[in-house]
Amino acid sequence: MKVVIIFCVSSFYNDLKKIYRTSGVETYSEFDVKGFTRKYDKDGAVANWFASSKEYYDSIATFTFLEEEKGSVLLNQISKFNQELDCCSPMHAYMLDVEKFI
């Protein structure tokens, strides 16, 4: 069994829900996250436009428990989404082993 953890800016939350549906993921959990960055360009502007007007940006973190095959499908969908982005805040996804559970 695997756990897949995904972080995305709130602006992409509906896209993430669509990715879950098209990947066949029926159950997941989520929580709100504030993301902070220290990445500034040479003029002092924040490189990430989601954080350009404040010191943080609103994000969503989700996680789901899946078999490896379904997790791979989900990660492939996330990768495809990121490749089609024309901005600088891709989704971040991690698939980790679940060693034990009760």
C-alpha atoms as a PDB file:
ATOM      1  CA  MET A   1       0.000   0.000   0.000  1.00  0.00           C
ATOM      2  CA  LYS A   2       1.120   3.558  -0.759  1.00  0.00           C
ATOM      3  CA  VAL A   3       0.228   6.989   0.528  1.00  0.00           C
ATOM      4  CA  VAL A   4       0.151   9.768  -2.053  1.00  0.00           C
ATOM      5  CA  ILE A   5       0.552  13.299  -0.727  1.00  0.00           C
ATOM      6  CA  ILE A   6      -0.201  16.243  -3.018  1.00  0.00           C
ATOM      7  CA  PHE A   7       0.336  19.962  -2.442  1.00  0.00           C
ATOM      8  CA  CYS A   8      -1.154  22.601  -4.734  1.00  0.00           C
ATOM      9  CA  VAL A   9      -2.012  26.272  -4.565  1.00  0.00           C
ATOM     10  CA  SER A  10      -5.683  26.924  -3.869  1.00  0.00           C
ATOM     11  CA  SER A  11      -6.139  28.241  -7.398  1.00  0.00           C
ATOM     12  CA  PHE A  12      -5.570  24.702  -8.705  1.00  0.00           C
ATOM     13  CA  TYR A  13      -7.841  22.954  -6.201  1.00  0.00           C
ATOM     14  CA  ASN A  14     -10.630  22.300  -8.729  1.00  0.00           C
ATOM     15  CA  ASP A  15      -8.041  20.910 -11.152  1.00  0.00           C
ATOM     16  CA  LEU A  16      -6.792  18.573  -8.437  1.00  0.00           C
ATOM     17  CA  LYS A  17     -10.319  17.321  -7.726  1.00  0.00           C
ATOM     18  CA  LYS A  18     -10.754  16.627 -11.445  1.00  0.00           C
ATOM     19  CA  ILE A  19      -7.453  14.723 -11.498  1.00  0.00           C
ATOM     20  CA  TYR A  20      -8.643  12.600  -8.568  1.00  0.00           C
ATOM     21  CA  ARG A  21     -11.870  11.789 -10.437  1.00  0.00           C
ATOM     22  CA  THR A  22     -10.164  10.922 -13.736  1.00  0.00           C
ATOM     23  CA  SER A  23      -7.577   8.807 -11.894  1.00  0.00           C
ATOM     24  CA  GLY A  24     -10.293   6.770 -10.196  1.00  0.00           C
ATOM     25  CA  VAL A  25      -9.465   7.975  -6.678  1.00  0.00           C
ATOM     26  CA  GLU A  26     -12.669   7.949  -4.668  1.00  0.00           C
ATOM     27  CA  THR A  27     -11.388   8.744  -1.180  1.00  0.00           C
ATOM     28  CA  TYR A  28      -8.892  11.330   0.035  1.00  0.00           C
ATOM     29  CA  SER A  29      -8.365  13.749   2.894  1.00  0.00           C
ATOM     30  CA  GLU A  30      -7.362  17.379   2.715  1.00  0.00           C
ATOM     31  CA  PHE A  31      -6.297  20.333   4.803  1.00  0.00           C
ATOM     32  CA  ASP A  32      -5.467  23.999   4.181  1.00  0.00           C
ATOM     33  CA  VAL A  33      -1.828  25.057   4.151  1.00  0.00           C
ATOM     34  CA  LYS A  34      -0.093  28.432   4.047  1.00  0.00           C
ATOM     35  CA  GLY A  35       2.999  28.316   1.848  1.00  0.00           C
ATOM     36  CA  PHE A  36       5.889  30.705   2.382  1.00  0.00           C
ATOM     37  CA  THR A  37       8.715  31.573   0.026  1.00  0.00           C
ATOM     38  CA  ARG A  38      11.945  33.524   0.154  1.00  0.00           C
ATOM     39  CA  LYS A  39      12.443  33.381  -3.614  1.00  0.00           C
ATOM     40  CA  TYR A  40      12.635  36.937  -4.914  1.00  0.00           C
ATOM     41  CA  ASP A  41      13.878  38.196  -8.249  1.00  0.00           C
ATOM     42  CA  LYS A  42      16.574  40.868  -8.583  1.00  0.00           C
ATOM     43  CA  ASP A  43      13.972  43.659  -8.254  1.00  0.00           C
ATOM     44  CA  GLY A  44      12.625  42.303  -4.968  1.00  0.00           C
ATOM     45  CA  ALA A  45       9.386  40.929  -6.425  1.00  0.00           C
ATOM     46  CA  VAL A  46       8.186  37.467  -5.499  1.00  0.00           C
ATOM     47  CA  ALA A  47       8.896  35.092  -8.368  1.00  0.00           C
ATOM     48  CA  ASN A  48       5.734  33.092  -7.684  1.00  0.00           C
ATOM     49  CA  TRP A  49       2.729  35.163  -8.764  1.00  0.00           C
ATOM     50  CA  PHE A  50       0.449  33.385  -6.258  1.00  0.00           C
ATOM     51  CA  ALA A  51       2.434  35.012  -3.452  1.00  0.00           C
ATOM     52  CA  SER A  52       3.000  38.360  -5.106  1.00  0.00           C
ATOM     53  CA  SER A  53       0.553  40.348  -2.969  1.00  0.00           C
ATOM     54  CA  LYS A  54       1.266  38.885   0.481  1.00  0.00           C
ATOM     55  CA  GLU A  55       3.910  37.035   2.429  1.00  0.00           C
ATOM     56  CA  TYR A  56       2.276  33.648   1.929  1.00  0.00           C
ATOM     57  CA  TYR A  57       0.066  31.814  -0.518  1.00  0.00           C
ATOM     58  CA  ASP A  58      -2.914  29.627   0.240  1.00  0.00           C
ATOM     59  CA  SER A  59      -2.431  25.985  -0.592  1.00  0.00           C
ATOM     60  CA  ILE A  60      -4.193  22.668  -0.194  1.00  0.00           C
ATOM     61  CA  ALA A  61      -2.560  19.450   0.932  1.00  0.00           C
ATOM     62  CA  THR A  62      -4.281  16.153   0.244  1.00  0.00           C
ATOM     63  CA  PHE A  63      -3.426  12.548   0.884  1.00  0.00           C
ATOM     64  CA  THR A  64      -4.865   9.213  -0.112  1.00  0.00           C
ATOM     65  CA  PHE A  65      -3.993   5.557   0.438  1.00  0.00           C
ATOM     66  CA  LEU A  66      -3.766   3.509  -2.756  1.00  0.00           C
ATOM     67  CA  GLU A  67      -2.323   0.454  -4.369  1.00  0.00           C
ATOM     68  CA  GLU A  68       0.866   1.256  -6.272  1.00  0.00           C
ATOM     69  CA  GLU A  69      -0.722   0.959  -9.725  1.00  0.00           C
ATOM     70  CA  LYS A  70      -3.449   3.492  -8.967  1.00  0.00           C
ATOM     71  CA  GLY A  71      -0.894   5.754  -7.292  1.00  0.00           C
ATOM     72  CA  SER A  72       1.209   5.695 -10.452  1.00  0.00           C
ATOM     73  CA  VAL A  73      -1.824   6.669 -12.537  1.00  0.00           C
ATOM     74  CA  LEU A  74      -2.457   9.583 -10.187  1.00  0.00           C
ATOM     75  CA  LEU A  75       1.168  10.752 -10.319  1.00  0.00           C
ATOM     76  CA  ASN A  76       1.133  10.545 -14.119  1.00  0.00           C
ATOM     77  CA  GLN A  77      -1.952  12.798 -14.189  1.00  0.00           C
ATOM     78  CA  ILE A  78      -0.217  15.298 -11.887  1.00  0.00           C
ATOM     79  CA  SER A  79       2.874  15.240 -14.112  1.00  0.00           C
ATOM     80  CA  LYS A  80       0.760  15.863 -17.216  1.00  0.00           C
ATOM     81  CA  PHE A  81      -1.001  18.773 -15.507  1.00  0.00           C
ATOM     82  CA  ASN A  82       2.340  20.325 -14.518  1.00  0.00           C
ATOM     83  CA  GLN A  83       3.727  19.996 -18.048  1.00  0.00           C
ATOM     84  CA  GLU A  84       0.799  22.019 -19.389  1.00  0.00           C
ATOM     85  CA  LEU A  85       1.213  24.876 -16.867  1.00  0.00           C
ATOM     86  CA  ASP A  86       2.341  28.260 -18.047  1.00  0.00           C
ATOM     87  CA  CYS A  87       3.096  29.611 -14.573  1.00  0.00           C
ATOM     88  CA  CYS A  88       5.477  28.729 -11.809  1.00  0.00           C
ATOM     89  CA  SER A  89       3.454  26.878  -9.140  1.00  0.00           C
ATOM     90  CA  PRO A  90       3.229  23.240 -10.149  1.00  0.00           C
ATOM     91  CA  MET A  91       1.528  20.630  -8.015  1.00  0.00           C
ATOM     92  CA  HIS A  92       3.916  18.617  -5.864  1.00  0.00           C
ATOM     93  CA  ALA A  93       3.128  14.938  -5.363  1.00  0.00           C
ATOM     94  CA  TYR A  94       4.866  12.218  -3.370  1.00  0.00           C
ATOM     95  CA  MET A  95       4.164   8.496  -3.262  1.00  0.00           C
ATOM     96  CA  LEU A  96       5.527   6.780  -0.160  1.00  0.00           C
ATOM     97  CA  ASP A  97       5.421   3.241   1.180  1.00  0.00           C
ATOM     98  CA  VAL A  98       3.099   2.494   4.049  1.00  0.00           C
ATOM     99  CA  GLU A  99       5.108   0.069   6.140  1.00  0.00           C
ATOM    100  CA  LYS A 100       2.478  -0.701   8.761  1.00  0.00           C
ATOM    101  CA  PHE A 101      -1.093   0.218   9.481  1.00  0.00           C
ATOM    102  CA  ILE A 102      -3.744  -0.760  11.998  1.00  0.00           C
END
